[in-house]
Amino acid sequence: MEKISIGIADDHALFRRGMITMLASEKKLQFVIEANDGQDLVNLLKVKEEPDVILLDLRMTKLNGIETIHYLRQHHPEIKVIIISVHDDQDIIEHLFENGANAYLNKNSDPEEVISAINNVMVYDFHFNPAAKSALRGIEKRQRKSKIKSLDNNGLSKREIDVLKLICNECSTSQIAKELKISVRTVETYRINLLNKSSSKNIAGLVLFAIKNNIVETLDLKIRNN
């Protein structure tokens, strides 16, 4: 069984060690980086092999979570980033996804949710817990009040809309290809085009884009929690 390599950056040693201990029994997870803060993480990534997933605190004294995400997206775009924070503010969560986070978790999350988030970001590129879903619904309500039109005929083709809706519902590339009767390579091309056109940094950002532009509704999303 191939292990998922994990990094963690948090300026509270007790939380870091607690998280590592809490997930130690999960055989498919392997912690390879333990950083005191964002700057320490940056330094360690220069000398160590990059992990698959990084658990990242939002409030840190040296390079906070947002600043660290910016660095990671520029220099290590393949790393999945799960923000772990005590802040459940909807605007903050929205900002995190816009800047390239793959998932958000509260520091009170139980081990099962942390493991679920790690698995989901590895498979689907994003994980939305109840707090994130609530933030999405808040965005949706604001968009309805502002009466912003869908981008169906203003930037995205009908086929791109079809692909985007399936991506938002966690369909794999092969599933999308089968559903739309197109090749896997064509789906990948659509995916790249959608990321570029929406200026999204990852699939989580793409889902946020779809909600903001009334392309999908939160009630339509079949987002998994495991």
C-alpha atoms as a PDB file:
ATOM      1  CA  MET A   1       0.000   0.000   0.000  1.00  0.00           C
ATOM      2  CA  GLU A   2       1.445   3.344  -1.083  1.00  0.00           C
ATOM      3  CA  LYS A   3       1.559   5.794   1.794  1.00  0.00           C
ATOM      4  CA  ILE A   4       0.366   9.397   1.732  1.00  0.00           C
ATOM      5  CA  SER A   5       3.152  11.659   2.935  1.00  0.00           C
ATOM      6  CA  ILE A   6       2.074  14.446   5.288  1.00  0.00           C
ATOM      7  CA  GLY A   7       3.618  17.712   6.431  1.00  0.00           C
ATOM      8  CA  ILE A   8       2.369  19.905   9.255  1.00  0.00           C
ATOM      9  CA  ALA A   9       3.109  23.555  10.035  1.00  0.00           C
ATOM     10  CA  ASP A  10       1.805  25.079  13.257  1.00  0.00           C
ATOM     11  CA  ASP A  11       3.517  27.354  15.771  1.00  0.00           C
ATOM     12  CA  HIS A  12       1.963  25.488  18.700  1.00  0.00           C
ATOM     13  CA  ALA A  13       4.143  22.467  19.421  1.00  0.00           C
ATOM     14  CA  LEU A  14       1.459  20.823  21.543  1.00  0.00           C
ATOM     15  CA  PHE A  15      -1.034  20.874  18.660  1.00  0.00           C
ATOM     16  CA  ARG A  16       1.555  19.612  16.153  1.00  0.00           C
ATOM     17  CA  ARG A  17       2.594  16.712  18.321  1.00  0.00           C
ATOM     18  CA  GLY A  18      -1.019  15.946  19.193  1.00  0.00           C
ATOM     19  CA  MET A  19      -1.996  15.787  15.523  1.00  0.00           C
ATOM     20  CA  ILE A  20       0.936  13.532  14.679  1.00  0.00           C
ATOM     21  CA  THR A  21       0.127  11.231  17.604  1.00  0.00           C
ATOM     22  CA  MET A  22      -3.587  11.235  16.766  1.00  0.00           C
ATOM     23  CA  LEU A  23      -2.929  10.043  13.193  1.00  0.00           C
ATOM     24  CA  ALA A  24      -0.059   7.682  14.036  1.00  0.00           C
ATOM     25  CA  SER A  25      -2.303   4.614  13.963  1.00  0.00           C
ATOM     26  CA  GLU A  26      -3.348   5.314  10.367  1.00  0.00           C
ATOM     27  CA  LYS A  27      -0.885   3.074   8.524  1.00  0.00           C
ATOM     28  CA  LYS A  28      -1.319   4.691   5.120  1.00  0.00           C
ATOM     29  CA  LEU A  29      -0.264   8.124   6.438  1.00  0.00           C
ATOM     30  CA  GLN A  30       3.362   9.070   7.015  1.00  0.00           C
ATOM     31  CA  PHE A  31       4.490  12.392   8.513  1.00  0.00           C
ATOM     32  CA  VAL A  32       7.630  13.567   6.761  1.00  0.00           C
ATOM     33  CA  ILE A  33       7.786  17.268   7.722  1.00  0.00           C
ATOM     34  CA  GLU A  34       7.087  18.985  11.030  1.00  0.00           C
ATOM     35  CA  ALA A  35       7.484  22.771  10.865  1.00  0.00           C
ATOM     36  CA  ASN A  36       7.267  25.428  13.579  1.00  0.00           C
ATOM     37  CA  ASP A  37       5.643  27.971  11.242  1.00  0.00           C
ATOM     38  CA  GLY A  38       5.285  28.919   7.585  1.00  0.00           C
ATOM     39  CA  GLN A  39       8.860  30.117   7.230  1.00  0.00           C
ATOM     40  CA  ASP A  40      10.207  26.938   8.794  1.00  0.00           C
ATOM     41  CA  LEU A  41       8.082  24.942   6.335  1.00  0.00           C
ATOM     42  CA  VAL A  42       9.518  26.887   3.393  1.00  0.00           C
ATOM     43  CA  ASN A  43      13.050  26.192   4.628  1.00  0.00           C
ATOM     44  CA  LEU A  44      12.374  22.478   5.130  1.00  0.00           C
ATOM     45  CA  LEU A  45      10.850  22.108   1.653  1.00  0.00           C
ATOM     46  CA  LYS A  46      14.133  23.311   0.187  1.00  0.00           C
ATOM     47  CA  VAL A  47      16.015  20.343   1.665  1.00  0.00           C
ATOM     48  CA  LYS A  48      13.343  17.641   1.991  1.00  0.00           C
ATOM     49  CA  GLU A  49      11.157  15.816  -0.500  1.00  0.00           C
ATOM     50  CA  GLU A  50       7.788  17.536  -0.761  1.00  0.00           C
ATOM     51  CA  PRO A  51       4.853  15.797   0.961  1.00  0.00           C
ATOM     52  CA  ASP A  52       1.566  14.959  -0.717  1.00  0.00           C
ATOM     53  CA  VAL A  53      -0.475  16.951   1.806  1.00  0.00           C
ATOM     54  CA  ILE A  54       0.326  19.763   4.231  1.00  0.00           C
ATOM     55  CA  LEU A  55      -1.767  20.494   7.324  1.00  0.00           C
ATOM     56  CA  LEU A  56      -1.357  24.237   7.742  1.00  0.00           C
ATOM     57  CA  ASP A  57      -2.276  26.565  10.582  1.00  0.00           C
ATOM     58  CA  LEU A  58      -3.847  29.873   9.556  1.00  0.00           C
ATOM     59  CA  ARG A  59      -2.403  32.126  12.274  1.00  0.00           C
ATOM     60  CA  MET A  60       1.378  31.813  12.527  1.00  0.00           C
ATOM     61  CA  THR A  61       3.977  34.388  13.570  1.00  0.00           C
ATOM     62  CA  LYS A  62       6.363  33.761  10.656  1.00  0.00           C
ATOM     63  CA  LEU A  63       4.519  33.460   7.345  1.00  0.00           C
ATOM     64  CA  ASN A  64       0.840  32.986   8.115  1.00  0.00           C
ATOM     65  CA  GLY A  65      -1.375  30.462   6.359  1.00  0.00           C
ATOM     66  CA  ILE A  66      -2.349  32.704   3.438  1.00  0.00           C
ATOM     67  CA  GLU A  67       1.254  33.792   2.815  1.00  0.00           C
ATOM     68  CA  THR A  68       2.392  30.181   2.968  1.00  0.00           C
ATOM     69  CA  ILE A  69      -0.312  29.071   0.515  1.00  0.00           C
ATOM     70  CA  HIS A  70       0.885  31.740  -1.926  1.00  0.00           C
ATOM     71  CA  TYR A  71       4.420  30.342  -1.692  1.00  0.00           C
ATOM     72  CA  LEU A  72       3.257  26.743  -2.078  1.00  0.00           C
ATOM     73  CA  ARG A  73       1.075  27.477  -5.091  1.00  0.00           C
ATOM     74  CA  GLN A  74       3.988  29.208  -6.790  1.00  0.00           C
ATOM     75  CA  HIS A  75       6.772  26.765  -5.922  1.00  0.00           C
ATOM     76  CA  HIS A  76       5.011  23.487  -5.019  1.00  0.00           C
ATOM     77  CA  PRO A  77       1.671  23.503  -6.898  1.00  0.00           C
ATOM     78  CA  GLU A  78       1.149  19.739  -6.571  1.00  0.00           C
ATOM     79  CA  ILE A  79       0.998  19.802  -2.757  1.00  0.00           C
ATOM     80  CA  LYS A  80      -2.527  19.608  -1.326  1.00  0.00           C
ATOM     81  CA  VAL A  81      -3.116  22.180   1.421  1.00  0.00           C
ATOM     82  CA  ILE A  82      -5.528  21.605   4.305  1.00  0.00           C
ATOM     83  CA  ILE A  83      -5.956  24.661   6.512  1.00  0.00           C
ATOM     84  CA  ILE A  84      -6.637  23.839  10.157  1.00  0.00           C
ATOM     85  CA  SER A  85      -7.868  26.778  12.192  1.00  0.00           C
ATOM     86  CA  VAL A  86     -10.142  27.879  15.041  1.00  0.00           C
ATOM     87  CA  HIS A  87     -11.767  30.489  12.777  1.00  0.00           C
ATOM     88  CA  ASP A  88     -15.068  29.529  11.131  1.00  0.00           C
ATOM     89  CA  ASP A  89     -15.793  32.920   9.590  1.00  0.00           C
ATOM     90  CA  GLN A  90     -17.376  32.451   6.154  1.00  0.00           C
ATOM     91  CA  ASP A  91     -15.381  35.263   4.548  1.00  0.00           C
ATOM     92  CA  ILE A  92     -12.123  33.736   5.779  1.00  0.00           C
ATOM     93  CA  ILE A  93     -13.053  30.300   4.454  1.00  0.00           C
ATOM     94  CA  GLU A  94     -14.025  31.795   1.083  1.00  0.00           C
ATOM     95  CA  HIS A  95     -10.711  33.681   0.981  1.00  0.00           C
ATOM     96  CA  LEU A  96      -8.777  30.483   1.740  1.00  0.00           C
ATOM     97  CA  PHE A  97     -10.321  28.595  -1.189  1.00  0.00           C
ATOM     98  CA  GLU A  98      -9.809  31.544  -3.516  1.00  0.00           C
ATOM     99  CA  ASN A  99      -6.112  31.542  -2.617  1.00  0.00           C
ATOM    100  CA  GLY A 100      -5.558  27.848  -3.247  1.00  0.00           C
ATOM    101  CA  ALA A 101      -6.501  25.865  -0.149  1.00  0.00           C
ATOM    102  CA  ASN A 102      -7.869  22.401  -0.918  1.00  0.00           C
ATOM    103  CA  ALA A 103      -9.757  22.019   2.356  1.00  0.00           C
ATOM    104  CA  TYR A 104     -10.577  23.756   5.615  1.00  0.00           C
ATOM    105  CA  LEU A 105     -10.916  22.061   9.008  1.00  0.00           C
ATOM    106  CA  ASN A 106     -11.611  23.406  12.475  1.00  0.00           C
ATOM    107  CA  LYS A 107      -9.012  22.542  15.110  1.00  0.00           C
ATOM    108  CA  ASN A 108     -11.745  20.716  17.011  1.00  0.00           C
ATOM    109  CA  SER A 109     -12.156  18.198  14.167  1.00  0.00           C
ATOM    110  CA  ASP A 110     -11.991  14.545  15.136  1.00  0.00           C
ATOM    111  CA  PRO A 111      -9.413  12.154  13.618  1.00  0.00           C
ATOM    112  CA  GLU A 112     -11.963  10.640  11.241  1.00  0.00           C
ATOM    113  CA  GLU A 113     -12.665  13.998   9.598  1.00  0.00           C
ATOM    114  CA  VAL A 114      -8.969  14.781   9.248  1.00  0.00           C
ATOM    115  CA  ILE A 115      -8.391  11.406   7.581  1.00  0.00           C
ATOM    116  CA  SER A 116     -11.453  11.927   5.363  1.00  0.00           C
ATOM    117  CA  ALA A 117     -10.162  15.346   4.287  1.00  0.00           C
ATOM    118  CA  ILE A 118      -6.734  13.925   3.456  1.00  0.00           C
ATOM    119  CA  ASN A 119      -8.262  11.127   1.383  1.00  0.00           C
ATOM    120  CA  ASN A 120     -10.637  13.463  -0.450  1.00  0.00           C
ATOM    121  CA  VAL A 121      -8.033  16.056  -1.398  1.00  0.00           C
ATOM    122  CA  MET A 122      -5.845  13.271  -2.749  1.00  0.00           C
ATOM    123  CA  VAL A 123      -8.669  11.829  -4.874  1.00  0.00           C
ATOM    124  CA  TYR A 124     -10.878  14.824  -5.727  1.00  0.00           C
ATOM    125  CA  ASP A 125      -8.521  17.767  -5.048  1.00  0.00           C
ATOM    126  CA  PHE A 126     -10.921  19.266  -2.479  1.00  0.00           C
ATOM    127  CA  HIS A 127     -12.887  18.540   0.677  1.00  0.00           C
ATOM    128  CA  PHE A 128     -15.794  20.632   1.938  1.00  0.00           C
ATOM    129  CA  ASN A 129     -16.863  20.103   5.543  1.00  0.00           C
ATOM    130  CA  PRO A 130     -20.073  21.643   7.029  1.00  0.00           C
ATOM    131  CA  ALA A 131     -18.316  24.969   7.716  1.00  0.00           C
ATOM    132  CA  ALA A 132     -17.127  25.186   4.106  1.00  0.00           C
ATOM    133  CA  LYS A 133     -20.559  24.211   2.789  1.00  0.00           C
ATOM    134  CA  SER A 134     -22.100  26.932   4.967  1.00  0.00           C
ATOM    135  CA  ALA A 135     -19.675  29.439   3.451  1.00  0.00           C
ATOM    136  CA  LEU A 136     -20.704  28.283  -0.034  1.00  0.00           C
ATOM    137  CA  ARG A 137     -24.365  28.740   0.812  1.00  0.00           C
ATOM    138  CA  GLY A 138     -23.588  32.243   2.078  1.00  0.00           C
ATOM    139  CA  ILE A 139     -21.886  33.064  -1.220  1.00  0.00           C
ATOM    140  CA  GLU A 140     -24.859  31.678  -3.111  1.00  0.00           C
ATOM    141  CA  LYS A 141     -27.301  33.860  -1.167  1.00  0.00           C
ATOM    142  CA  ARG A 142     -25.221  36.973  -1.849  1.00  0.00           C
ATOM    143  CA  GLN A 143     -25.074  36.154  -5.546  1.00  0.00           C
ATOM    144  CA  ARG A 144     -28.854  35.763  -5.713  1.00  0.00           C
ATOM    145  CA  LYS A 145     -29.371  39.134  -4.045  1.00  0.00           C
ATOM    146  CA  SER A 146     -26.968  40.824  -6.431  1.00  0.00           C
ATOM    147  CA  LYS A 147     -28.680  39.061  -9.373  1.00  0.00           C
ATOM    148  CA  ILE A 148     -25.391  38.212 -11.088  1.00  0.00           C
ATOM    149  CA  LYS A 149     -26.012  36.334 -14.320  1.00  0.00           C
ATOM    150  CA  SER A 150     -24.580  32.934 -15.123  1.00  0.00           C
ATOM    151  CA  LEU A 151     -21.554  32.806 -17.397  1.00  0.00           C
ATOM    152  CA  ASP A 152     -23.125  30.196 -19.724  1.00  0.00           C
ATOM    153  CA  ASN A 153     -22.973  32.607 -22.650  1.00  0.00           C
ATOM    154  CA  ASN A 154     -20.255  34.890 -21.363  1.00  0.00           C
ATOM    155  CA  GLY A 155     -16.901  33.126 -21.253  1.00  0.00           C
ATOM    156  CA  LEU A 156     -17.655  29.407 -21.000  1.00  0.00           C
ATOM    157  CA  SER A 157     -19.028  27.137 -23.688  1.00  0.00           C
ATOM    158  CA  LYS A 158     -21.948  24.785 -23.051  1.00  0.00           C
ATOM    159  CA  ARG A 159     -19.593  21.801 -23.042  1.00  0.00           C
ATOM    160  CA  GLU A 160     -17.291  23.544 -20.566  1.00  0.00           C
ATOM    161  CA  ILE A 161     -20.329  24.133 -18.334  1.00  0.00           C
ATOM    162  CA  ASP A 162     -21.198  20.431 -18.586  1.00  0.00           C
ATOM    163  CA  VAL A 163     -17.673  19.415 -17.592  1.00  0.00           C
ATOM    164  CA  LEU A 164     -17.607  21.945 -14.750  1.00  0.00           C
ATOM    165  CA  LYS A 165     -20.859  20.662 -13.265  1.00  0.00           C
ATOM    166  CA  LEU A 166     -19.534  17.097 -13.270  1.00  0.00           C
ATOM    167  CA  ILE A 167     -16.237  18.210 -11.701  1.00  0.00           C
ATOM    168  CA  CYS A 168     -18.206  19.941  -8.939  1.00  0.00           C
ATOM    169  CA  ASN A 169     -19.895  16.644  -8.178  1.00  0.00           C
ATOM    170  CA  GLU A 170     -16.607  14.785  -7.748  1.00  0.00           C
ATOM    171  CA  CYS A 171     -16.746  12.881 -11.017  1.00  0.00           C
ATOM    172  CA  SER A 172     -13.395  11.506 -12.075  1.00  0.00           C
ATOM    173  CA  THR A 173     -11.865  12.269 -15.463  1.00  0.00           C
ATOM    174  CA  SER A 174     -12.872   8.841 -16.762  1.00  0.00           C
ATOM    175  CA  GLN A 175     -16.424   9.239 -15.420  1.00  0.00           C
ATOM    176  CA  ILE A 176     -16.764  12.623 -17.141  1.00  0.00           C
ATOM    177  CA  ALA A 177     -15.431  11.155 -20.382  1.00  0.00           C
ATOM    178  CA  LYS A 178     -17.956   8.327 -20.236  1.00  0.00           C
ATOM    179  CA  GLU A 179     -20.859  10.624 -19.318  1.00  0.00           C
ATOM    180  CA  LEU A 180     -20.147  13.124 -22.098  1.00  0.00           C
ATOM    181  CA  LYS A 181     -18.892  10.521 -24.614  1.00  0.00           C
ATOM    182  CA  ILE A 182     -15.543  12.249 -25.103  1.00  0.00           C
ATOM    183  CA  SER A 183     -11.954  11.128 -24.591  1.00  0.00           C
ATOM    184  CA  VAL A 184     -10.072  11.359 -21.304  1.00  0.00           C
ATOM    185  CA  ARG A 185      -7.540  13.660 -22.975  1.00  0.00           C
ATOM    186  CA  THR A 186     -10.351  15.992 -24.056  1.00  0.00           C
ATOM    187  CA  VAL A 187     -11.656  16.125 -20.484  1.00  0.00           C
ATOM    188  CA  GLU A 188      -8.193  17.068 -19.233  1.00  0.00           C
ATOM    189  CA  THR A 189      -8.049  19.842 -21.835  1.00  0.00           C
ATOM    190  CA  TYR A 190     -11.420  21.155 -20.656  1.00  0.00           C
ATOM    191  CA  ARG A 191     -10.218  21.002 -17.048  1.00  0.00           C
ATOM    192  CA  ILE A 192      -7.114  23.059 -17.839  1.00  0.00           C
ATOM    193  CA  ASN A 193      -9.166  25.572 -19.819  1.00  0.00           C
ATOM    194  CA  LEU A 194     -11.663  25.930 -16.971  1.00  0.00           C
ATOM    195  CA  LEU A 195      -8.896  26.576 -14.449  1.00  0.00           C
ATOM    196  CA  ASN A 196      -7.360  29.188 -16.742  1.00  0.00           C
ATOM    197  CA  LYS A 197     -10.621  30.930 -17.636  1.00  0.00           C
ATOM    198  CA  SER A 198     -11.771  31.082 -14.017  1.00  0.00           C
ATOM    199  CA  SER A 199      -8.290  32.003 -12.700  1.00  0.00           C
ATOM    200  CA  SER A 200      -8.735  29.181 -10.186  1.00  0.00           C
ATOM    201  CA  LYS A 201      -5.695  27.659  -8.499  1.00  0.00           C
ATOM    202  CA  ASN A 202      -7.260  24.218  -8.067  1.00  0.00           C
ATOM    203  CA  ILE A 203     -10.558  22.330  -8.185  1.00  0.00           C
ATOM    204  CA  ALA A 204     -11.743  23.791  -4.867  1.00  0.00           C
ATOM    205  CA  GLY A 205     -11.384  27.252  -6.380  1.00  0.00           C
ATOM    206  CA  LEU A 206     -13.196  26.050  -9.490  1.00  0.00           C
ATOM    207  CA  VAL A 207     -16.175  24.880  -7.399  1.00  0.00           C
ATOM    208  CA  LEU A 208     -16.190  28.278  -5.679  1.00  0.00           C
ATOM    209  CA  PHE A 209     -16.173  29.938  -9.107  1.00  0.00           C
ATOM    210  CA  ALA A 210     -19.135  27.810 -10.204  1.00  0.00           C
ATOM    211  CA  ILE A 211     -21.136  28.809  -7.113  1.00  0.00           C
ATOM    212  CA  LYS A 212     -20.277  32.496  -7.487  1.00  0.00           C
ATOM    213  CA  ASN A 213     -21.417  32.524 -11.100  1.00  0.00           C
ATOM    214  CA  ASN A 214     -24.666  30.595 -10.567  1.00  0.00           C
ATOM    215  CA  ILE A 215     -23.431  27.656 -12.638  1.00  0.00           C
ATOM    216  CA  VAL A 216     -24.193  25.181  -9.858  1.00  0.00           C
ATOM    217  CA  GLU A 217     -26.173  25.486  -6.644  1.00  0.00           C
ATOM    218  CA  THR A 218     -25.002  24.152  -3.308  1.00  0.00           C
ATOM    219  CA  LEU A 219     -28.065  21.914  -3.113  1.00  0.00           C
ATOM    220  CA  ASP A 220     -26.968  20.258  -6.349  1.00  0.00           C
ATOM    221  CA  LEU A 221     -23.516  19.387  -5.025  1.00  0.00           C
ATOM    222  CA  LYS A 222     -23.066  15.756  -4.030  1.00  0.00           C
ATOM    223  CA  ILE A 223     -19.985  16.427  -1.942  1.00  0.00           C
ATOM    224  CA  ARG A 224     -18.773  13.502   0.129  1.00  0.00           C
ATOM    225  CA  ASN A 225     -17.525  13.612   3.699  1.00  0.00           C
ATOM    226  CA  ASN A 226     -15.569  10.372   3.572  1.00  0.00           C
END
